[in-house]
C-alpha atoms as a PDB file:
ATOM      1  CA  MET A   1      45.015 -11.516  20.190  1.00  0.00           C
ATOM      2  CA  ALA A   2      43.856 -14.453  18.125  1.00  0.00           C
ATOM      3  CA  TYR A   3      40.259 -13.550  19.080  1.00  0.00           C
ATOM      4  CA  TRP A   4      40.678 -10.034  17.624  1.00  0.00           C
ATOM      5  CA  ILE A   5      42.182 -11.225  14.476  1.00  0.00           C
ATOM      6  CA  SER A   6      39.404 -13.805  14.063  1.00  0.00           C
ATOM      7  CA  LEU A   7      36.796 -11.106  14.639  1.00  0.00           C
ATOM      8  CA  ILE A   8      38.481  -8.685  12.087  1.00  0.00           C
ATOM      9  CA  VAL A   9      38.675 -11.523   9.460  1.00  0.00           C
ATOM     10  CA  THR A  10      34.986 -12.387  10.122  1.00  0.00           C
ATOM     11  CA  VAL A  11      33.819  -8.651   9.804  1.00  0.00           C
ATOM     12  CA  ALA A  12      35.990  -8.310   6.606  1.00  0.00           C
ATOM     13  CA  VAL A  13      34.414 -11.486   5.101  1.00  0.00           C
ATOM     14  CA  ILE A  14      30.890 -10.354   5.944  1.00  0.00           C
ATOM     15  CA  TYR A  15      31.609  -6.864   4.565  1.00  0.00           C
ATOM     16  CA  ILE A  16      32.901  -8.322   1.282  1.00  0.00           C
ATOM     17  CA  ALA A  17      29.960 -10.676   1.059  1.00  0.00           C
ATOM     18  CA  ILE A  18      27.511  -7.918   1.450  1.00  0.00           C
ATOM     19  CA  SER A  19      29.362  -5.716  -1.130  1.00  0.00           C
ATOM     20  CA  ILE A  20      29.212  -8.671  -3.687  1.00  0.00           C
ATOM     21  CA  ALA A  21      25.482  -9.203  -2.924  1.00  0.00           C
ATOM     22  CA  ILE A  22      24.761  -5.412  -3.452  1.00  0.00           C
ATOM     23  CA  TYR A  23      26.574  -5.518  -6.809  1.00  0.00           C
ATOM     24  CA  TYR A  24      24.847  -8.494  -8.194  1.00  0.00           C
ATOM     25  CA  LEU A  25      21.445  -8.047  -6.567  1.00  0.00           C
ATOM     26  CA  GLN A  26      20.921  -4.251  -7.076  1.00  0.00           C
ATOM     27  CA  ASP A  27      18.844  -4.720 -10.298  1.00  0.00           C
ATOM     28  CA  TYR A  28      16.294  -6.616  -8.157  1.00  0.00           C
ATOM     29  CA  MET A  29      16.397  -3.940  -5.428  1.00  0.00           C
ATOM     30  CA  LEU A  30      16.180  -0.913  -7.739  1.00  0.00           C
ATOM     31  CA  PHE A  31      13.797  -2.199 -10.385  1.00  0.00           C
ATOM     32  CA  LYS A  32      10.324  -3.630  -9.665  1.00  0.00           C
ATOM     33  CA  PRO A  33       9.072  -4.527 -13.091  1.00  0.00           C
ATOM     34  CA  GLU A  34       5.785  -5.897 -14.036  1.00  0.00           C
ATOM     35  CA  LYS A  35       5.913  -8.196 -17.119  1.00  0.00           C
ATOM     36  CA  LEU A  36       3.058  -8.364 -19.609  1.00  0.00           C
ATOM     37  CA  PRO A  37       2.322 -11.014 -22.205  1.00  0.00           C
ATOM     38  CA  LYS A  38       2.887 -10.027 -25.911  1.00  0.00           C
ATOM     39  CA  ASP A  39      -0.894 -10.243 -26.604  1.00  0.00           C
ATOM     40  CA  PHE A  40      -1.871  -7.976 -23.751  1.00  0.00           C
ATOM     41  CA  GLU A  41      -4.214  -5.136 -24.947  1.00  0.00           C
ATOM     42  CA  PHE A  42      -3.972  -1.755 -23.344  1.00  0.00           C
ATOM     43  CA  TYR A  43      -7.239  -0.004 -22.587  1.00  0.00           C
ATOM     44  CA  TYR A  44      -7.951   3.284 -20.677  1.00  0.00           C
ATOM     45  CA  GLU A  45     -11.455   4.616 -20.240  1.00  0.00           C
ATOM     46  CA  ASN A  46     -11.883   7.953 -22.083  1.00  0.00           C
ATOM     47  CA  GLN A  47      -8.266   7.842 -23.259  1.00  0.00           C
ATOM     48  CA  ASP A  48      -7.395   7.372 -26.987  1.00  0.00           C
ATOM     49  CA  CYS A  49      -3.980   5.576 -27.302  1.00  0.00           C
ATOM     50  CA  LYS A  50      -1.967   3.615 -29.603  1.00  0.00           C
ATOM     51  CA  GLU A  51       0.697   0.924 -28.946  1.00  0.00           C
ATOM     52  CA  TYR A  52       4.097   0.957 -30.736  1.00  0.00           C
ATOM     53  CA  ASN A  53       7.326  -0.980 -30.672  1.00  0.00           C
ATOM     54  CA  LEU A  54      10.805   0.239 -31.301  1.00  0.00           C
ATOM     55  CA  GLU A  55      13.588  -2.151 -32.169  1.00  0.00           C
ATOM     56  CA  THR A  56      16.967  -1.118 -30.847  1.00  0.00           C
ATOM     57  CA  ARG A  57      20.323  -1.637 -32.584  1.00  0.00           C
ATOM     58  CA  ASP A  58      21.213  -4.445 -30.128  1.00  0.00           C
ATOM     59  CA  GLY A  59      17.985  -6.361 -31.014  1.00  0.00           C
ATOM     60  CA  ALA A  60      15.908  -5.412 -27.920  1.00  0.00           C
ATOM     61  CA  VAL A  61      12.269  -4.172 -28.258  1.00  0.00           C
ATOM     62  CA  ILE A  62      11.084  -1.063 -26.419  1.00  0.00           C
ATOM     63  CA  ASN A  63       7.273  -1.015 -26.013  1.00  0.00           C
ATOM     64  CA  GLY A  64       5.415   2.126 -25.560  1.00  0.00           C
ATOM     65  CA  LEU A  65       2.073   4.039 -25.802  1.00  0.00           C
ATOM     66  CA  ARG A  66       1.053   7.243 -27.405  1.00  0.00           C
ATOM     67  CA  PHE A  67      -1.967   9.087 -25.913  1.00  0.00           C
ATOM     68  CA  PHE A  68      -3.908  11.595 -28.031  1.00  0.00           C
ATOM     69  CA  PRO A  69      -5.547  14.787 -26.836  1.00  0.00           C
ATOM     70  CA  LYS A  70      -9.155  15.428 -27.790  1.00  0.00           C
ATOM     71  CA  GLY A  71      -8.505  18.419 -29.916  1.00  0.00           C
ATOM     72  CA  GLU A  72      -5.549  19.988 -31.735  1.00  0.00           C
ATOM     73  CA  SER A  73      -2.142  19.087 -30.330  1.00  0.00           C
ATOM     74  CA  LYS A  74       0.024  21.672 -28.577  1.00  0.00           C
ATOM     75  CA  GLY A  75       3.055  19.439 -28.500  1.00  0.00           C
ATOM     76  CA  VAL A  76       4.405  16.131 -27.152  1.00  0.00           C
ATOM     77  CA  VAL A  77       5.214  15.045 -23.607  1.00  0.00           C
ATOM     78  CA  LEU A  78       7.757  12.207 -23.239  1.00  0.00           C
ATOM     79  CA  TYR A  79       6.839  10.817 -19.799  1.00  0.00           C
ATOM     80  CA  LEU A  80       9.566   8.719 -18.137  1.00  0.00           C
ATOM     81  CA  LYS A  81       8.084   6.662 -15.305  1.00  0.00           C
ATOM     82  CA  GLY A  82       9.325   5.425 -12.039  1.00  0.00           C
ATOM     83  CA  ASN A  83      10.930   2.093 -11.086  1.00  0.00           C
ATOM     84  CA  SER A  84       7.936  -0.101 -10.570  1.00  0.00           C
ATOM     85  CA  LYS A  85       5.119  -1.855 -12.572  1.00  0.00           C
ATOM     86  CA  SER A  86       4.632  -1.122 -16.286  1.00  0.00           C
ATOM     87  CA  ILE A  87       3.019   1.469 -18.417  1.00  0.00           C
ATOM     88  CA  LYS A  88      -0.212  -0.512 -17.948  1.00  0.00           C
ATOM     89  CA  GLY A  89      -0.625   1.284 -14.664  1.00  0.00           C
ATOM     90  CA  TRP A  90       1.331   4.379 -15.340  1.00  0.00           C
ATOM     91  CA  GLY A  91      -0.812   5.199 -18.373  1.00  0.00           C
ATOM     92  CA  LYS A  92      -3.496   6.742 -16.163  1.00  0.00           C
ATOM     93  CA  PHE A  93      -1.313   9.676 -15.593  1.00  0.00           C
ATOM     94  CA  ALA A  94      -1.386  10.685 -19.372  1.00  0.00           C
ATOM     95  CA  VAL A  95      -4.748  12.406 -18.766  1.00  0.00           C
ATOM     96  CA  ASP A  96      -2.969  15.079 -16.745  1.00  0.00           C
ATOM     97  CA  PHE A  97      -1.353  16.124 -20.072  1.00  0.00           C
ATOM     98  CA  THR A  98      -3.817  15.161 -22.750  1.00  0.00           C
ATOM     99  CA  ARG A  99      -6.496  17.341 -21.092  1.00  0.00           C
ATOM    100  CA  HIS A 100      -4.134  20.319 -21.756  1.00  0.00           C
ATOM    101  CA  GLY A 101      -3.910  19.326 -25.384  1.00  0.00           C
ATOM    102  CA  TYR A 102      -0.626  17.450 -25.487  1.00  0.00           C
ATOM    103  CA  ASN A 103       0.217  14.059 -26.994  1.00  0.00           C
ATOM    104  CA  VAL A 104       1.880  11.803 -24.355  1.00  0.00           C
ATOM    105  CA  PHE A 105       4.530   9.093 -25.125  1.00  0.00           C
ATOM    106  CA  MET A 106       5.227   6.597 -22.370  1.00  0.00           C
ATOM    107  CA  VAL A 107       7.706   3.691 -22.613  1.00  0.00           C
ATOM    108  CA  ASP A 108       8.581   0.752 -20.564  1.00  0.00           C
ATOM    109  CA  TYR A 109      12.242   0.351 -19.769  1.00  0.00           C
ATOM    110  CA  ARG A 110      13.999  -2.934 -20.714  1.00  0.00           C
ATOM    111  CA  GLY A 111      12.533  -5.844 -18.743  1.00  0.00           C
ATOM    112  CA  PHE A 112       9.313  -3.949 -17.948  1.00  0.00           C
ATOM    113  CA  GLY A 113       5.969  -4.642 -19.524  1.00  0.00           C
ATOM    114  CA  LYS A 114       6.444  -5.938 -23.066  1.00  0.00           C
ATOM    115  CA  SER A 115       9.957  -4.460 -23.411  1.00  0.00           C
ATOM    116  CA  THR A 116      12.869  -6.802 -23.766  1.00  0.00           C
ATOM    117  CA  GLY A 117      16.649  -6.691 -23.672  1.00  0.00           C
ATOM    118  CA  ARG A 118      19.459  -6.705 -21.109  1.00  0.00           C
ATOM    119  CA  ARG A 119      19.175  -3.743 -18.726  1.00  0.00           C
ATOM    120  CA  SER A 120      21.992  -1.289 -17.976  1.00  0.00           C
ATOM    121  CA  GLN A 121      22.208   2.395 -17.386  1.00  0.00           C
ATOM    122  CA  LYS A 122      24.035   2.885 -20.796  1.00  0.00           C
ATOM    123  CA  ALA A 123      21.403   0.700 -22.631  1.00  0.00           C
ATOM    124  CA  ILE A 124      18.480   2.658 -21.147  1.00  0.00           C
ATOM    125  CA  LYS A 125      20.005   5.991 -22.005  1.00  0.00           C
ATOM    126  CA  ARG A 126      20.531   4.830 -25.489  1.00  0.00           C
ATOM    127  CA  ASP A 127      17.068   3.418 -25.828  1.00  0.00           C
ATOM    128  CA  LEU A 128      15.483   6.704 -24.607  1.00  0.00           C
ATOM    129  CA  GLN A 129      17.605   8.803 -27.056  1.00  0.00           C
ATOM    130  CA  GLU A 130      16.227   6.535 -29.893  1.00  0.00           C
ATOM    131  CA  VAL A 131      12.688   7.166 -28.608  1.00  0.00           C
ATOM    132  CA  TYR A 132      13.408  10.876 -28.526  1.00  0.00           C
ATOM    133  CA  ASN A 133      14.778  10.758 -32.091  1.00  0.00           C
ATOM    134  CA  LYS A 134      11.603   9.098 -33.281  1.00  0.00           C
ATOM    135  CA  ILE A 135       9.518  11.855 -31.647  1.00  0.00           C
ATOM    136  CA  LYS A 136      11.667  14.391 -33.424  1.00  0.00           C
ATOM    137  CA  GLU A 137      10.625  12.872 -36.699  1.00  0.00           C
ATOM    138  CA  GLN A 138       7.009  14.053 -35.969  1.00  0.00           C
ATOM    139  CA  ALA A 139       7.537  17.124 -33.881  1.00  0.00           C
ATOM    140  CA  THR A 140      10.143  19.928 -33.701  1.00  0.00           C
ATOM    141  CA  GLU A 141      12.081  20.044 -30.389  1.00  0.00           C
ATOM    142  CA  GLU A 142      10.378  23.385 -29.339  1.00  0.00           C
ATOM    143  CA  ARG A 143       7.182  21.249 -29.050  1.00  0.00           C
ATOM    144  CA  ILE A 144       8.732  18.467 -26.995  1.00  0.00           C
ATOM    145  CA  ILE A 145       8.445  18.445 -23.073  1.00  0.00           C
ATOM    146  CA  LEU A 146      10.501  15.961 -21.093  1.00  0.00           C
ATOM    147  CA  TYR A 147       8.744  14.768 -17.874  1.00  0.00           C
ATOM    148  CA  GLY A 148      10.729  12.623 -15.414  1.00  0.00           C
ATOM    149  CA  ARG A 149       9.105  10.992 -12.478  1.00  0.00           C
ATOM    150  CA  SER A 150      11.270   9.572  -9.703  1.00  0.00           C
ATOM    151  CA  LEU A 151      13.647   7.009 -11.367  1.00  0.00           C
ATOM    152  CA  GLY A 152      12.769   8.613 -14.686  1.00  0.00           C
ATOM    153  CA  SER A 153      13.852  12.069 -13.581  1.00  0.00           C
ATOM    154  CA  GLY A 154      17.533  11.183 -13.971  1.00  0.00           C
ATOM    155  CA  PHE A 155      16.986   9.824 -17.437  1.00  0.00           C
ATOM    156  CA  ALA A 156      14.881  12.823 -18.367  1.00  0.00           C
ATOM    157  CA  THR A 157      17.686  15.193 -17.167  1.00  0.00           C
ATOM    158  CA  LYS A 158      20.254  13.244 -19.268  1.00  0.00           C
ATOM    159  CA  LEU A 159      18.061  13.472 -22.370  1.00  0.00           C
ATOM    160  CA  ALA A 160      17.585  17.310 -21.825  1.00  0.00           C
ATOM    161  CA  SER A 161      21.312  17.731 -21.400  1.00  0.00           C
ATOM    162  CA  MET A 162      21.972  16.059 -24.800  1.00  0.00           C
ATOM    163  CA  ASN A 163      19.013  17.687 -26.725  1.00  0.00           C
ATOM    164  CA  ASN A 164      17.040  20.990 -26.899  1.00  0.00           C
ATOM    165  CA  PRO A 165      13.513  20.270 -25.732  1.00  0.00           C
ATOM    166  CA  ARG A 166      11.068  22.987 -24.867  1.00  0.00           C
ATOM    167  CA  MET A 167      11.316  22.318 -21.150  1.00  0.00           C
ATOM    168  CA  LEU A 168      12.214  19.746 -18.553  1.00  0.00           C
ATOM    169  CA  ILE A 169       9.807  18.841 -15.774  1.00  0.00           C
ATOM    170  CA  LEU A 170      11.167  16.791 -12.811  1.00  0.00           C
ATOM    171  CA  ASP A 171       8.734  15.041 -10.395  1.00  0.00           C
ATOM    172  CA  ALA A 172      10.347  13.999  -7.087  1.00  0.00           C
ATOM    173  CA  PRO A 173      13.858  13.834  -8.511  1.00  0.00           C
ATOM    174  CA  TYR A 174      17.014  12.464  -6.772  1.00  0.00           C
ATOM    175  CA  TYR A 175      20.345  14.144  -6.558  1.00  0.00           C
ATOM    176  CA  SER A 176      21.973  10.841  -7.636  1.00  0.00           C
ATOM    177  CA  MET A 177      21.039   7.214  -7.161  1.00  0.00           C
ATOM    178  CA  THR A 178      24.245   6.727  -5.333  1.00  0.00           C
ATOM    179  CA  LYS A 179      23.253   9.367  -2.766  1.00  0.00           C
ATOM    180  CA  VAL A 180      19.796   7.814  -2.321  1.00  0.00           C
ATOM    181  CA  THR A 181      21.336   4.438  -1.645  1.00  0.00           C
ATOM    182  CA  ARG A 182      23.876   5.870   0.738  1.00  0.00           C
ATOM    183  CA  ARG A 183      21.055   6.835   3.072  1.00  0.00           C
ATOM    184  CA  TYR A 184      20.379   3.213   3.750  1.00  0.00           C
ATOM    185  CA  MET A 185      23.992   1.818   3.407  1.00  0.00           C
ATOM    186  CA  PRO A 186      26.273   4.607   4.682  1.00  0.00           C
ATOM    187  CA  PHE A 187      29.285   2.352   5.269  1.00  0.00           C
ATOM    188  CA  MET A 188      29.423   0.654   1.878  1.00  0.00           C
ATOM    189  CA  PRO A 189      31.728   1.661  -1.074  1.00  0.00           C
ATOM    190  CA  LEU A 190      28.739   2.576  -3.277  1.00  0.00           C
ATOM    191  CA  SER A 191      30.675   4.694  -5.679  1.00  0.00           C
ATOM    192  CA  ILE A 192      32.387   1.419  -6.766  1.00  0.00           C
ATOM    193  CA  LEU A 193      29.376  -0.960  -6.408  1.00  0.00           C
ATOM    194  CA  ILE A 194      26.430   0.994  -7.893  1.00  0.00           C
ATOM    195  CA  LYS A 195      25.775   0.122 -11.563  1.00  0.00           C
ATOM    196  CA  TYR A 196      23.228   2.799 -11.915  1.00  0.00           C
ATOM    197  CA  PRO A 197      24.704   5.921 -10.268  1.00  0.00           C
ATOM    198  CA  LEU A 198      22.399   8.236 -12.388  1.00  0.00           C
ATOM    199  CA  PRO A 199      24.024  11.534 -11.404  1.00  0.00           C
ATOM    200  CA  THR A 200      21.112  13.929 -11.981  1.00  0.00           C
ATOM    201  CA  TYR A 201      23.086  16.794 -10.386  1.00  0.00           C
ATOM    202  CA  LYS A 202      25.944  16.446 -13.074  1.00  0.00           C
ATOM    203  CA  TRP A 203      23.590  16.300 -16.067  1.00  0.00           C
ATOM    204  CA  LEU A 204      21.501  19.219 -14.845  1.00  0.00           C
ATOM    205  CA  LYS A 205      24.485  21.574 -15.359  1.00  0.00           C
ATOM    206  CA  TYR A 206      24.230  21.072 -19.123  1.00  0.00           C
ATOM    207  CA  VAL A 207      20.433  21.579 -19.555  1.00  0.00           C
ATOM    208  CA  GLN A 208      19.782  24.746 -21.545  1.00  0.00           C
ATOM    209  CA  CYS A 209      15.910  24.707 -21.459  1.00  0.00           C
ATOM    210  CA  PRO A 210      13.578  25.882 -18.580  1.00  0.00           C
ATOM    211  CA  ILE A 211      13.738  23.388 -15.692  1.00  0.00           C
ATOM    212  CA  HIS A 212      10.543  22.899 -13.505  1.00  0.00           C
ATOM    213  CA  ILE A 213      11.104  20.866 -10.307  1.00  0.00           C
ATOM    214  CA  ILE A 214       8.023  19.574  -8.369  1.00  0.00           C
ATOM    215  CA  HIS A 215       8.454  17.937  -4.901  1.00  0.00           C
ATOM    216  CA  GLY A 216       6.269  17.127  -1.994  1.00  0.00           C
ATOM    217  CA  THR A 217       7.354  18.303   1.520  1.00  0.00           C
ATOM    218  CA  ASN A 218       6.500  14.952   3.165  1.00  0.00           C
ATOM    219  CA  ASP A 219       8.505  12.742   0.689  1.00  0.00           C
ATOM    220  CA  LYS A 220      10.220  10.026   2.902  1.00  0.00           C
ATOM    221  CA  LEU A 221      12.005   8.266   0.032  1.00  0.00           C
ATOM    222  CA  ILE A 222      13.595  11.259  -1.591  1.00  0.00           C
ATOM    223  CA  PRO A 223      13.515  14.262   0.785  1.00  0.00           C
ATOM    224  CA  PHE A 224      12.240  17.707  -0.311  1.00  0.00           C
ATOM    225  CA  LYS A 225      15.739  19.199   0.390  1.00  0.00           C
ATOM    226  CA  THR A 226      17.023  17.121  -2.569  1.00  0.00           C
ATOM    227  CA  SER A 227      15.062  19.359  -5.048  1.00  0.00           C
ATOM    228  CA  LEU A 228      16.178  22.421  -3.195  1.00  0.00           C
ATOM    229  CA  LYS A 229      19.778  21.458  -3.925  1.00  0.00           C
ATOM    230  CA  LEU A 230      19.012  20.585  -7.477  1.00  0.00           C
ATOM    231  CA  SER A 231      17.337  23.939  -8.103  1.00  0.00           C
ATOM    232  CA  LYS A 232      20.543  25.682  -7.125  1.00  0.00           C
ATOM    233  CA  ILE A 233      22.621  23.865  -9.750  1.00  0.00           C
ATOM    234  CA  ASN A 234      21.240  25.722 -12.787  1.00  0.00           C
ATOM    235  CA  PRO A 235      19.428  28.603 -10.934  1.00  0.00           C
ATOM    236  CA  LYS A 236      18.737  30.849 -13.901  1.00  0.00           C
ATOM    237  CA  LEU A 237      16.693  28.150 -15.582  1.00  0.00           C
ATOM    238  CA  SER A 238      15.214  26.380 -12.583  1.00  0.00           C
ATOM    239  CA  LYS A 239      11.915  26.984 -10.751  1.00  0.00           C
ATOM    240  CA  LEU A 240      10.932  24.936  -7.703  1.00  0.00           C
ATOM    241  CA  TYR A 241       7.360  23.943  -6.983  1.00  0.00           C
ATOM    242  CA  THR A 242       6.373  22.828  -3.464  1.00  0.00           C
ATOM    243  CA  VAL A 243       3.415  20.452  -2.837  1.00  0.00           C
ATOM    244  CA  ILE A 244       2.850  21.064   0.841  1.00  0.00           C
ATOM    245  CA  GLY A 245       2.032  17.701   2.466  1.00  0.00           C
ATOM    246  CA  GLY A 246       2.833  15.688  -0.696  1.00  0.00           C
ATOM    247  CA  GLY A 247       4.624  12.357  -0.467  1.00  0.00           C
ATOM    248  CA  HIS A 248       6.643  10.415  -2.946  1.00  0.00           C
ATOM    249  CA  LYS A 249       3.721   8.606  -4.692  1.00  0.00           C
ATOM    250  CA  ASN A 250       0.697  10.746  -4.195  1.00  0.00           C
ATOM    251  CA  LEU A 251       1.326  14.241  -5.692  1.00  0.00           C
ATOM    252  CA  ASN A 252      -1.438  13.637  -8.263  1.00  0.00           C
ATOM    253  CA  ASN A 253      -3.890  13.547  -5.357  1.00  0.00           C
ATOM    254  CA  PHE A 254      -3.258  17.233  -4.592  1.00  0.00           C
ATOM    255  CA  GLU A 255      -5.042  20.071  -6.270  1.00  0.00           C
ATOM    256  CA  SER A 256      -2.022  22.200  -5.954  1.00  0.00           C
ATOM    257  CA  TYR A 257      -0.083  19.745  -8.107  1.00  0.00           C
ATOM    258  CA  HIS A 258      -2.524  20.007 -10.991  1.00  0.00           C
ATOM    259  CA  GLN A 259      -2.499  23.832 -10.611  1.00  0.00           C
ATOM    260  CA  MET A 260       1.259  23.777 -10.949  1.00  0.00           C
ATOM    261  CA  LEU A 261       1.065  21.623 -14.120  1.00  0.00           C
ATOM    262  CA  ASP A 262      -1.561  24.021 -15.532  1.00  0.00           C
ATOM    263  CA  ASP A 263       0.853  26.902 -14.821  1.00  0.00           C
ATOM    264  CA  ILE A 264       3.868  25.169 -16.270  1.00  0.00           C
ATOM    265  CA  LEU A 265       2.186  23.876 -19.471  1.00  0.00           C
ATOM    266  CA  ASN A 266       0.063  26.872 -20.294  1.00  0.00           C
ATOM    267  CA  SER A 267       1.720  29.976 -18.976  1.00  0.00           C
ATOM    268  CA  LYS A 268       4.065  31.828 -21.224  1.00  0.00           C
ATOM    269  CA  PRO A 269       7.098  33.289 -19.558  1.00  0.00           C
ATOM    270  CA  LYS A 270       7.207  37.060 -19.374  1.00  0.00           C
ATOM    271  CA  ALA A 271      10.329  39.049 -19.574  1.00  0.00           C
ATOM    272  CA  ILE A 272      10.758  41.301 -16.487  1.00  0.00           C
ATOM    273  CA  ASP A 273      12.247  44.790 -16.779  1.00  0.00           C
ATOM    274  CA  LEU A 274      14.538  44.678 -13.683  1.00  0.00           C
ATOM    275  CA  LYS A 275      15.101  48.437 -13.904  1.00  0.00           C
ATOM    276  CA  THR A 276      11.529  49.011 -12.781  1.00  0.00           C
ATOM    277  CA  THR A 277      12.002  46.779  -9.719  1.00  0.00           C
ATOM    278  CA  SER A 278      13.653  47.237  -6.283  1.00  0.00           C
ATOM    279  CA  ILE A 279      16.614  45.054  -7.269  1.00  0.00           C
ATOM    280  CA  ASN A 280      19.032  48.024  -7.705  1.00  0.00           C
ATOM    281  CA  VAL A 281      17.427  50.526  -5.381  1.00  0.00           C
ATOM    282  CA  ILE A 282      19.887  52.124  -3.126  1.00  0.00           C
ATOM    283  CA  HIS A 283      18.606  53.324   0.202  1.00  0.00           C
ATOM    284  CA  SER A 284      20.574  56.384   1.404  1.00  0.00           C
ATOM    285  CA  SER A 285      20.539  57.694   4.922  1.00  0.00           C
ATOM    286  CA  LYS A 286      18.197  60.557   5.906  1.00  0.00           C
ATOM    287  CA  LYS A 287      19.593  64.005   5.170  1.00  0.00           C
ATOM    288  CA  ASN A 288      20.669  66.021   8.163  1.00  0.00           C
ATOM    289  CA  LYS A 289      18.714  69.173   8.811  1.00  0.00           C
ATOM    290  CA  THR A 290      20.866  72.314   8.645  1.00  0.00           C
ATOM    291  CA  ASN A 291      20.373  75.201  11.058  1.00  0.00           C
ATOM    292  CA  THR A 292      19.280  78.501   9.521  1.00  0.00           C
END
């Protein structure tokens, strides 16, 4: 009997110790920042960009870049990146939008690149809203596109739910960060422990602009079925794009991805007269022949 009590106590202690470790170490597990010196100079071949800094109300500094198109601007893309590195590396993706005539804003979250400040889900959401407000000073919301990549998809969805951008584009989005983590730690009380639950599915309900979801079928980190579920939350506004064979980090290597972006950014939605379609067609049974 004493053996079983000792075993239960040991398991309980280990369980509690792991829970405490998850709570205090999750920032290190979720975020993989690259820090840059203050005097670092950004440079991208064939890309015209300008660095800027936004001081937040709690004294933090959010560092970002603005990329300019070659010709007249069609609007602005606020690109919210993934959980690793800094905008030094992510800046290369700006060309996928500037080539279509859009300005692109990219920012580093707190603790990434040159950005400073204590990181929390609430603080990041507040920072990004301030960035969005600054963009609104230069462009009307009907010219603003929100693009969220992986980690950034949740924050982009939250912004879209609180504002009225032209559209929301989600690249490899997650249902919630709690659900992603549960795949690897199914027996832990994650709803209590996770400081960054990022419930994309909840925020998506309140988005009122067109929602374009792009996902690769071979994504091992966030399965394709996640986007399928997300597309059903706000179905009248959502459209799902499938990159066959695409993984989590390589969608930009697929021609189909760039064709999808071209369609999303440049195609104007057309109203469909459902009365002219088969949607309400009633098929009746064949009439019986009558004898004469």
